[in-house]
């Protein structure tokens, strides 16, 4: 598997001459969260309020999802991916 390059910080990106030129010509930057493409499913334990858990389970059931699928979908939504 190819190793990905280390992501640059915003401050490092805007100091690059090619980026400065592109920005001065009207280009713009978009921050994209880096989520490694690793589809291995892992087990986790979390603590959560009982009422919130019931609401999650009810909503997941209404949508035909498992609790895990519902929480993964919610996490993707919050991470904007």
PDB file of N, CA and C in Angstrom:
ATOM      1  N   UNK A   1       0.840  -1.176   0.000  1.00  0.00           N
ATOM      2  CA  UNK A   1       0.000   0.000   0.000  1.00  0.00           C
ATOM      3  C   UNK A   1       0.887   1.243   0.000  1.00  0.00           C
ATOM      4  N   UNK A   2       0.550   2.223  -0.826  1.00  0.00           N
ATOM      5  CA  UNK A   2       1.320   3.453  -0.887  1.00  0.00           C
ATOM      6  C   UNK A   2       1.058   4.308   0.337  1.00  0.00           C
ATOM      7  N   UNK A   3       2.115   4.859   0.882  1.00  0.00           N
ATOM      8  CA  UNK A   3       1.982   5.743   2.030  1.00  0.00           C
ATOM      9  C   UNK A   3       1.574   7.129   1.544  1.00  0.00           C
ATOM     10  N   UNK A   4       0.583   7.701   2.193  1.00  0.00           N
ATOM     11  CA  UNK A   4       0.124   9.037   1.826  1.00  0.00           C
ATOM     12  C   UNK A   4       1.097  10.081   2.337  1.00  0.00           C
ATOM     13  N   UNK A   5       1.238  11.189   1.601  1.00  0.00           N
ATOM     14  CA  UNK A   5       2.095  12.260   2.107  1.00  0.00           C
ATOM     15  C   UNK A   5       1.476  12.878   3.360  1.00  0.00           C
ATOM     16  N   UNK A   6       2.302  13.454   4.192  1.00  0.00           N
ATOM     17  CA  UNK A   6       1.815  14.112   5.398  1.00  0.00           C
ATOM     18  C   UNK A   6       1.024  15.357   5.006  1.00  0.00           C
ATOM     19  N   UNK A   7      -0.201  15.504   5.517  1.00  0.00           N
ATOM     20  CA  UNK A   7      -0.987  16.697   5.186  1.00  0.00           C
ATOM     21  C   UNK A   7      -0.282  17.955   5.690  1.00  0.00           C
ATOM     22  N   UNK A   8      -0.437  19.034   4.940  1.00  0.00           N
ATOM     23  CA  UNK A   8       0.151  20.312   5.328  1.00  0.00           C
ATOM     24  C   UNK A   8      -0.847  21.124   6.136  1.00  0.00           C
ATOM     25  N   UNK A   9      -0.336  21.954   7.017  1.00  0.00           N
ATOM     26  CA  UNK A   9      -1.178  22.894   7.748  1.00  0.00           C
ATOM     27  C   UNK A   9      -1.538  24.037   6.804  1.00  0.00           C
ATOM     28  N   UNK A  10      -2.657  24.681   7.088  1.00  0.00           N
ATOM     29  CA  UNK A  10      -3.125  25.788   6.256  1.00  0.00           C
ATOM     30  C   UNK A  10      -2.029  26.840   6.075  1.00  0.00           C
ATOM     31  N   UNK A  11      -1.356  27.171   7.174  1.00  0.00           N
ATOM     32  CA  UNK A  11      -0.310  28.200   7.123  1.00  0.00           C
ATOM     33  C   UNK A  11       0.819  27.803   6.171  1.00  0.00           C
ATOM     34  N   UNK A  12       1.111  26.518   6.105  1.00  0.00           N
ATOM     35  CA  UNK A  12       2.162  26.034   5.202  1.00  0.00           C
ATOM     36  C   UNK A  12       1.709  26.104   3.746  1.00  0.00           C
ATOM     37  N   UNK A  13       0.452  25.794   3.513  1.00  0.00           N
ATOM     38  CA  UNK A  13      -0.078  25.805   2.145  1.00  0.00           C
ATOM     39  C   UNK A  13      -0.047  27.211   1.568  1.00  0.00           C
ATOM     40  N   UNK A  14      -0.518  28.195   2.331  1.00  0.00           N
ATOM     41  CA  UNK A  14      -0.615  29.554   1.776  1.00  0.00           C
ATOM     42  C   UNK A  14       0.742  30.226   1.614  1.00  0.00           C
ATOM     43  N   UNK A  15       1.807  29.629   2.151  1.00  0.00           N
ATOM     44  CA  UNK A  15       3.145  30.177   1.959  1.00  0.00           C
ATOM     45  C   UNK A  15       3.798  29.689   0.665  1.00  0.00           C
ATOM     46  N   UNK A  16       3.224  28.688   0.033  1.00  0.00           N
ATOM     47  CA  UNK A  16       3.782  28.173  -1.224  1.00  0.00           C
ATOM     48  C   UNK A  16       3.553  29.199  -2.339  1.00  0.00           C
ATOM     49  N   UNK A  17       4.586  29.441  -3.116  1.00  0.00           N
ATOM     50  CA  UNK A  17       4.514  30.464  -4.161  1.00  0.00           C
ATOM     51  C   UNK A  17       3.417  30.169  -5.179  1.00  0.00           C
ATOM     52  N   UNK A  18       3.291  28.916  -5.582  1.00  0.00           N
ATOM     53  CA  UNK A  18       2.253  28.570  -6.563  1.00  0.00           C
ATOM     54  C   UNK A  18       0.855  28.830  -6.007  1.00  0.00           C
ATOM     55  N   UNK A  19       0.685  28.609  -4.718  1.00  0.00           N
ATOM     56  CA  UNK A  19      -0.614  28.857  -4.086  1.00  0.00           C
ATOM     57  C   UNK A  19      -0.870  30.356  -4.003  1.00  0.00           C
ATOM     58  N   UNK A  20       0.143  31.118  -3.634  1.00  0.00           N
ATOM     59  CA  UNK A  20      -0.012  32.580  -3.569  1.00  0.00           C
ATOM     60  C   UNK A  20      -0.460  33.134  -4.920  1.00  0.00           C
ATOM     61  N   UNK A  21       0.164  32.646  -5.978  1.00  0.00           N
ATOM     62  CA  UNK A  21      -0.189  33.115  -7.327  1.00  0.00           C
ATOM     63  C   UNK A  21      -1.622  32.721  -7.660  1.00  0.00           C
ATOM     64  N   UNK A  22      -1.959  31.470  -7.417  1.00  0.00           N
ATOM     65  CA  UNK A  22      -3.312  30.997  -7.724  1.00  0.00           C
ATOM     66  C   UNK A  22      -4.359  31.789  -6.945  1.00  0.00           C
ATOM     67  N   UNK A  23      -4.101  32.055  -5.674  1.00  0.00           N
ATOM     68  CA  UNK A  23      -5.051  32.827  -4.868  1.00  0.00           C
ATOM     69  C   UNK A  23      -5.192  34.249  -5.390  1.00  0.00           C
ATOM     70  N   UNK A  24      -4.085  34.831  -5.832  1.00  0.00           N
ATOM     71  CA  UNK A  24      -4.148  36.200  -6.361  1.00  0.00           C
ATOM     72  C   UNK A  24      -4.908  36.262  -7.683  1.00  0.00           C
ATOM     73  N   UNK A  25      -5.028  35.108  -8.356  1.00  0.00           N
ATOM     74  CA  UNK A  25      -5.759  35.043  -9.625  1.00  0.00           C
ATOM     75  C   UNK A  25      -7.206  34.591  -9.437  1.00  0.00           C
ATOM     76  N   UNK A  26      -7.648  34.499  -8.181  1.00  0.00           N
ATOM     77  CA  UNK A  26      -9.047  34.181  -7.921  1.00  0.00           C
ATOM     78  C   UNK A  26      -9.330  32.781  -7.413  1.00  0.00           C
ATOM     79  N   UNK A  27      -8.306  31.967  -7.281  1.00  0.00           N
ATOM     80  CA  UNK A  27      -8.528  30.624  -6.730  1.00  0.00           C
ATOM     81  C   UNK A  27      -8.880  30.738  -5.249  1.00  0.00           C
ATOM     82  N   UNK A  28      -9.411  29.678  -4.695  1.00  0.00           N
ATOM     83  CA  UNK A  28      -9.711  29.670  -3.264  1.00  0.00           C
ATOM     84  C   UNK A  28      -9.397  28.297  -2.696  1.00  0.00           C
ATOM     85  N   UNK A  29      -9.215  28.248  -1.399  1.00  0.00           N
ATOM     86  CA  UNK A  29      -8.885  27.002  -0.713  1.00  0.00           C
ATOM     87  C   UNK A  29     -10.109  26.478   0.023  1.00  0.00           C
ATOM     88  N   UNK A  30     -10.219  25.170   0.064  1.00  0.00           N
ATOM     89  CA  UNK A  30     -11.284  24.512   0.812  1.00  0.00           C
ATOM     90  C   UNK A  30     -10.629  23.518   1.759  1.00  0.00           C
ATOM     91  N   UNK A  31     -10.979  23.594   3.031  1.00  0.00           N
ATOM     92  CA  UNK A  31     -10.448  22.641   4.000  1.00  0.00           C
ATOM     93  C   UNK A  31     -11.271  21.367   3.938  1.00  0.00           C
ATOM     94  N   UNK A  32     -10.585  20.250   3.783  1.00  0.00           N
ATOM     95  CA  UNK A  32     -11.239  18.947   3.689  1.00  0.00           C
ATOM     96  C   UNK A  32     -10.713  18.074   4.822  1.00  0.00           C
ATOM     97  N   UNK A  33     -11.602  17.535   5.656  1.00  0.00           N
ATOM     98  CA  UNK A  33     -11.103  16.678   6.732  1.00  0.00           C
ATOM     99  C   UNK A  33     -10.490  15.403   6.161  1.00  0.00           C
ATOM    100  N   UNK A  34      -9.372  14.987   6.728  1.00  0.00           N
ATOM    101  CA  UNK A  34      -8.713  13.767   6.267  1.00  0.00           C
ATOM    102  C   UNK A  34      -9.238  12.591   7.069  1.00  0.00           C
ATOM    103  N   UNK A  35      -9.904  11.685   6.392  1.00  0.00           N
ATOM    104  CA  UNK A  35     -10.377  10.452   7.003  1.00  0.00           C
ATOM    105  C   UNK A  35      -9.719   9.311   6.231  1.00  0.00           C
ATOM    106  N   UNK A  36      -8.868   8.573   6.900  1.00  0.00           N
ATOM    107  CA  UNK A  36      -8.163   7.475   6.244  1.00  0.00           C
ATOM    108  C   UNK A  36      -9.155   6.450   5.702  1.00  0.00           C
ATOM    109  N   UNK A  37      -8.900   5.975   4.497  1.00  0.00           N
ATOM    110  CA  UNK A  37      -9.770   4.986   3.865  1.00  0.00           C
ATOM    111  C   UNK A  37      -9.445   3.608   4.439  1.00  0.00           C
ATOM    112  N   UNK A  38      -9.949   3.375   5.630  1.00  0.00           N
ATOM    113  CA  UNK A  38      -9.708   2.120   6.339  1.00  0.00           C
ATOM    114  C   UNK A  38     -11.068   1.566   6.728  1.00  0.00           C
ATOM    115  N   UNK A  39     -11.520   0.561   6.025  1.00  0.00           N
ATOM    116  CA  UNK A  39     -12.879   0.058   6.223  1.00  0.00           C
ATOM    117  C   UNK A  39     -12.965  -1.047   7.276  1.00  0.00           C
ATOM    118  N   UNK A  40     -11.872  -1.304   7.984  1.00  0.00           N
ATOM    119  CA  UNK A  40     -11.931  -2.317   9.038  1.00  0.00           C
ATOM    120  C   UNK A  40     -12.879  -1.839  10.132  1.00  0.00           C
ATOM    121  N   UNK A  41     -13.825  -2.678  10.484  1.00  0.00           N
ATOM    122  CA  UNK A  41     -14.786  -2.343  11.531  1.00  0.00           C
ATOM    123  C   UNK A  41     -14.175  -2.709  12.878  1.00  0.00           C
ATOM    124  N   UNK A  42     -14.236  -1.779  13.819  1.00  0.00           N
ATOM    125  CA  UNK A  42     -13.687  -2.016  15.154  1.00  0.00           C
ATOM    126  C   UNK A  42     -14.785  -1.848  16.198  1.00  0.00           C
ATOM    127  N   UNK A  43     -14.661  -2.597  17.259  1.00  0.00           N
ATOM    128  CA  UNK A  43     -15.624  -2.519  18.354  1.00  0.00           C
ATOM    129  C   UNK A  43     -15.188  -1.404  19.298  1.00  0.00           C
ATOM    130  N   UNK A  44     -16.171  -0.672  19.855  1.00  0.00           N
ATOM    131  CA  UNK A  44     -15.852   0.389  20.807  1.00  0.00           C
ATOM    132  C   UNK A  44     -16.890   0.396  21.914  1.00  0.00           C
ATOM    133  N   UNK A  45     -16.530   0.974  23.017  1.00  0.00           N
ATOM    134  CA  UNK A  45     -17.449   1.155  24.137  1.00  0.00           C
ATOM    135  C   UNK A  45     -17.553   2.643  24.418  1.00  0.00           C
ATOM    136  N   UNK A  46     -18.776   3.147  24.543  1.00  0.00           N
ATOM    137  CA  UNK A  46     -18.978   4.556  24.862  1.00  0.00           C
ATOM    138  C   UNK A  46     -19.995   4.665  25.993  1.00  0.00           C
ATOM    139  N   UNK A  47     -19.972   5.787  26.676  1.00  0.00           N
ATOM    140  CA  UNK A  47     -20.984   6.098  27.686  1.00  0.00           C
ATOM    141  C   UNK A  47     -21.854   7.207  27.133  1.00  0.00           C
ATOM    142  N   UNK A  48     -23.167   7.073  27.309  1.00  0.00           N
ATOM    143  CA  UNK A  48     -24.108   8.039  26.747  1.00  0.00           C
ATOM    144  C   UNK A  48     -25.355   8.065  27.628  1.00  0.00           C
ATOM    145  N   UNK A  49     -26.019   9.183  27.662  1.00  0.00           N
ATOM    146  CA  UNK A  49     -27.243   9.298  28.460  1.00  0.00           C
ATOM    147  C   UNK A  49     -28.284   8.298  27.965  1.00  0.00           C
ATOM    148  N   UNK A  50     -28.981   7.674  28.898  1.00  0.00           N
ATOM    149  CA  UNK A  50     -29.960   6.646  28.559  1.00  0.00           C
ATOM    150  C   UNK A  50     -31.040   7.182  27.618  1.00  0.00           C
ATOM    151  N   UNK A  51     -31.547   8.375  27.899  1.00  0.00           N
ATOM    152  CA  UNK A  51     -32.593   8.948  27.048  1.00  0.00           C
ATOM    153  C   UNK A  51     -32.110   9.185  25.628  1.00  0.00           C
ATOM    154  N   UNK A  52     -30.865   9.645  25.503  1.00  0.00           N
ATOM    155  CA  UNK A  52     -30.296   9.868  24.172  1.00  0.00           C
ATOM    156  C   UNK A  52     -30.134   8.543  23.435  1.00  0.00           C
ATOM    157  N   UNK A  53     -29.714   7.516  24.150  1.00  0.00           N
ATOM    158  CA  UNK A  53     -29.564   6.200  23.529  1.00  0.00           C
ATOM    159  C   UNK A  53     -30.910   5.674  23.032  1.00  0.00           C
ATOM    160  N   UNK A  54     -31.954   5.865  23.830  1.00  0.00           N
ATOM    161  CA  UNK A  54     -33.290   5.441  23.389  1.00  0.00           C
ATOM    162  C   UNK A  54     -33.704   6.187  22.123  1.00  0.00           C
ATOM    163  N   UNK A  55     -33.437   7.493  22.098  1.00  0.00           N
ATOM    164  CA  UNK A  55     -33.786   8.287  20.915  1.00  0.00           C
ATOM    165  C   UNK A  55     -33.008   7.812  19.692  1.00  0.00           C
ATOM    166  N   UNK A  56     -31.727   7.494  19.878  1.00  0.00           N
ATOM    167  CA  UNK A  56     -30.902   6.971  18.781  1.00  0.00           C
ATOM    168  C   UNK A  56     -31.482   5.656  18.276  1.00  0.00           C
ATOM    169  N   UNK A  57     -31.795   4.762  19.198  1.00  0.00           N
ATOM    170  CA  UNK A  57     -32.335   3.458  18.809  1.00  0.00           C
ATOM    171  C   UNK A  57     -33.671   3.595  18.088  1.00  0.00           C
ATOM    172  N   UNK A  58     -34.540   4.486  18.579  1.00  0.00           N
ATOM    173  CA  UNK A  58     -35.840   4.698  17.929  1.00  0.00           C
ATOM    174  C   UNK A  58     -35.662   5.224  16.509  1.00  0.00           C
ATOM    175  N   UNK A  59     -34.797   6.226  16.361  1.00  0.00           N
ATOM    176  CA  UNK A  59     -34.572   6.827  15.042  1.00  0.00           C
ATOM    177  C   UNK A  59     -33.909   5.821  14.099  1.00  0.00           C
ATOM    178  N   UNK A  60     -32.946   5.070  14.607  1.00  0.00           N
ATOM    179  CA  UNK A  60     -32.282   4.055  13.779  1.00  0.00           C
ATOM    180  C   UNK A  60     -33.293   3.022  13.296  1.00  0.00           C
ATOM    181  N   UNK A  61     -34.171   2.585  14.193  1.00  0.00           N
ATOM    182  CA  UNK A  61     -35.175   1.585  13.822  1.00  0.00           C
ATOM    183  C   UNK A  61     -36.123   2.139  12.759  1.00  0.00           C
ATOM    184  N   UNK A  62     -36.551   3.399  12.919  1.00  0.00           N
ATOM    185  CA  UNK A  62     -37.434   4.029  11.929  1.00  0.00           C
ATOM    186  C   UNK A  62     -36.791   4.070  10.548  1.00  0.00           C
ATOM    187  N   UNK A  63     -35.476   4.222  10.515  1.00  0.00           N
ATOM    188  CA  UNK A  63     -34.752   4.332   9.247  1.00  0.00           C
ATOM    189  C   UNK A  63     -34.234   2.988   8.748  1.00  0.00           C
ATOM    190  N   UNK A  64     -34.495   1.940   9.493  1.00  0.00           N
ATOM    191  CA  UNK A  64     -34.034   0.616   9.083  1.00  0.00           C
ATOM    192  C   UNK A  64     -32.535   0.440   9.223  1.00  0.00           C
ATOM    193  N   UNK A  65     -31.946   1.116  10.211  1.00  0.00           N
ATOM    194  CA  UNK A  65     -30.507   1.051  10.432  1.00  0.00           C
ATOM    195  C   UNK A  65     -30.206   0.370  11.757  1.00  0.00           C
ATOM    196  N   UNK A  66     -29.006  -0.143  11.857  1.00  0.00           N
ATOM    197  CA  UNK A  66     -28.525  -0.597  13.157  1.00  0.00           C
ATOM    198  C   UNK A  66     -28.068   0.627  13.937  1.00  0.00           C
ATOM    199  N   UNK A  67     -27.889   0.451  15.234  1.00  0.00           N
ATOM    200  CA  UNK A  67     -27.365   1.551  16.053  1.00  0.00           C
ATOM    201  C   UNK A  67     -25.998   1.990  15.525  1.00  0.00           C
ATOM    202  N   UNK A  68     -25.150   1.025  15.197  1.00  0.00           N
ATOM    203  CA  UNK A  68     -23.811   1.352  14.696  1.00  0.00           C
ATOM    204  C   UNK A  68     -23.875   2.140  13.396  1.00  0.00           C
ATOM    205  N   UNK A  69     -24.734   1.710  12.481  1.00  0.00           N
ATOM    206  CA  UNK A  69     -24.865   2.417  11.202  1.00  0.00           C
ATOM    207  C   UNK A  69     -25.393   3.828  11.419  1.00  0.00           C
ATOM    208  N   UNK A  70     -26.344   3.981  12.324  1.00  0.00           N
ATOM    209  CA  UNK A  70     -26.882   5.305  12.619  1.00  0.00           C
ATOM    210  C   UNK A  70     -25.796   6.225  13.171  1.00  0.00           C
ATOM    211  N   UNK A  71     -25.029   5.727  14.146  1.00  0.00           N
ATOM    212  CA  UNK A  71     -23.972   6.549  14.741  1.00  0.00           C
ATOM    213  C   UNK A  71     -22.877   6.877  13.731  1.00  0.00           C
ATOM    214  N   UNK A  72     -22.537   5.933  12.855  1.00  0.00           N
ATOM    215  CA  UNK A  72     -21.535   6.203  11.818  1.00  0.00           C
ATOM    216  C   UNK A  72     -22.041   7.269  10.852  1.00  0.00           C
ATOM    217  N   UNK A  73     -23.321   7.204  10.493  1.00  0.00           N
ATOM    218  CA  UNK A  73     -23.914   8.210   9.607  1.00  0.00           C
ATOM    219  C   UNK A  73     -23.895   9.578  10.271  1.00  0.00           C
ATOM    220  N   UNK A  74     -24.255   9.628  11.544  1.00  0.00           N
ATOM    221  CA  UNK A  74     -24.248  10.898  12.278  1.00  0.00           C
ATOM    222  C   UNK A  74     -22.832  11.473  12.358  1.00  0.00           C
ATOM    223  N   UNK A  75     -21.849  10.609  12.582  1.00  0.00           N
ATOM    224  CA  UNK A  75     -20.459  11.066  12.648  1.00  0.00           C
ATOM    225  C   UNK A  75     -20.007  11.619  11.300  1.00  0.00           C
ATOM    226  N   UNK A  76     -20.337  10.928  10.210  1.00  0.00           N
ATOM    227  CA  UNK A  76     -19.975  11.428   8.874  1.00  0.00           C
ATOM    228  C   UNK A  76     -20.614  12.786   8.613  1.00  0.00           C
ATOM    229  N   UNK A  77     -21.863  12.940   9.033  1.00  0.00           N
ATOM    230  CA  UNK A  77     -22.559  14.216   8.851  1.00  0.00           C
ATOM    231  C   UNK A  77     -21.829  15.332   9.605  1.00  0.00           C
ATOM    232  N   UNK A  78     -21.467  15.078  10.845  1.00  0.00           N
ATOM    233  CA  UNK A  78     -20.790  16.091  11.656  1.00  0.00           C
ATOM    234  C   UNK A  78     -19.388  16.397  11.145  1.00  0.00           C
ATOM    235  N   UNK A  79     -18.746  15.416  10.524  1.00  0.00           N
ATOM    236  CA  UNK A  79     -17.411  15.617   9.958  1.00  0.00           C
ATOM    237  C   UNK A  79     -17.462  16.188   8.544  1.00  0.00           C
ATOM    238  N   UNK A  80     -18.672  16.383   8.025  1.00  0.00           N
ATOM    239  CA  UNK A  80     -18.874  16.909   6.666  1.00  0.00           C
ATOM    240  C   UNK A  80     -18.242  16.032   5.606  1.00  0.00           C
ATOM    241  N   UNK A  81     -18.443  14.715   5.728  1.00  0.00           N
ATOM    242  CA  UNK A  81     -17.926  13.799   4.708  1.00  0.00           C
ATOM    243  C   UNK A  81     -19.033  12.923   4.179  1.00  0.00           C
TER     244      UNK A  81
END
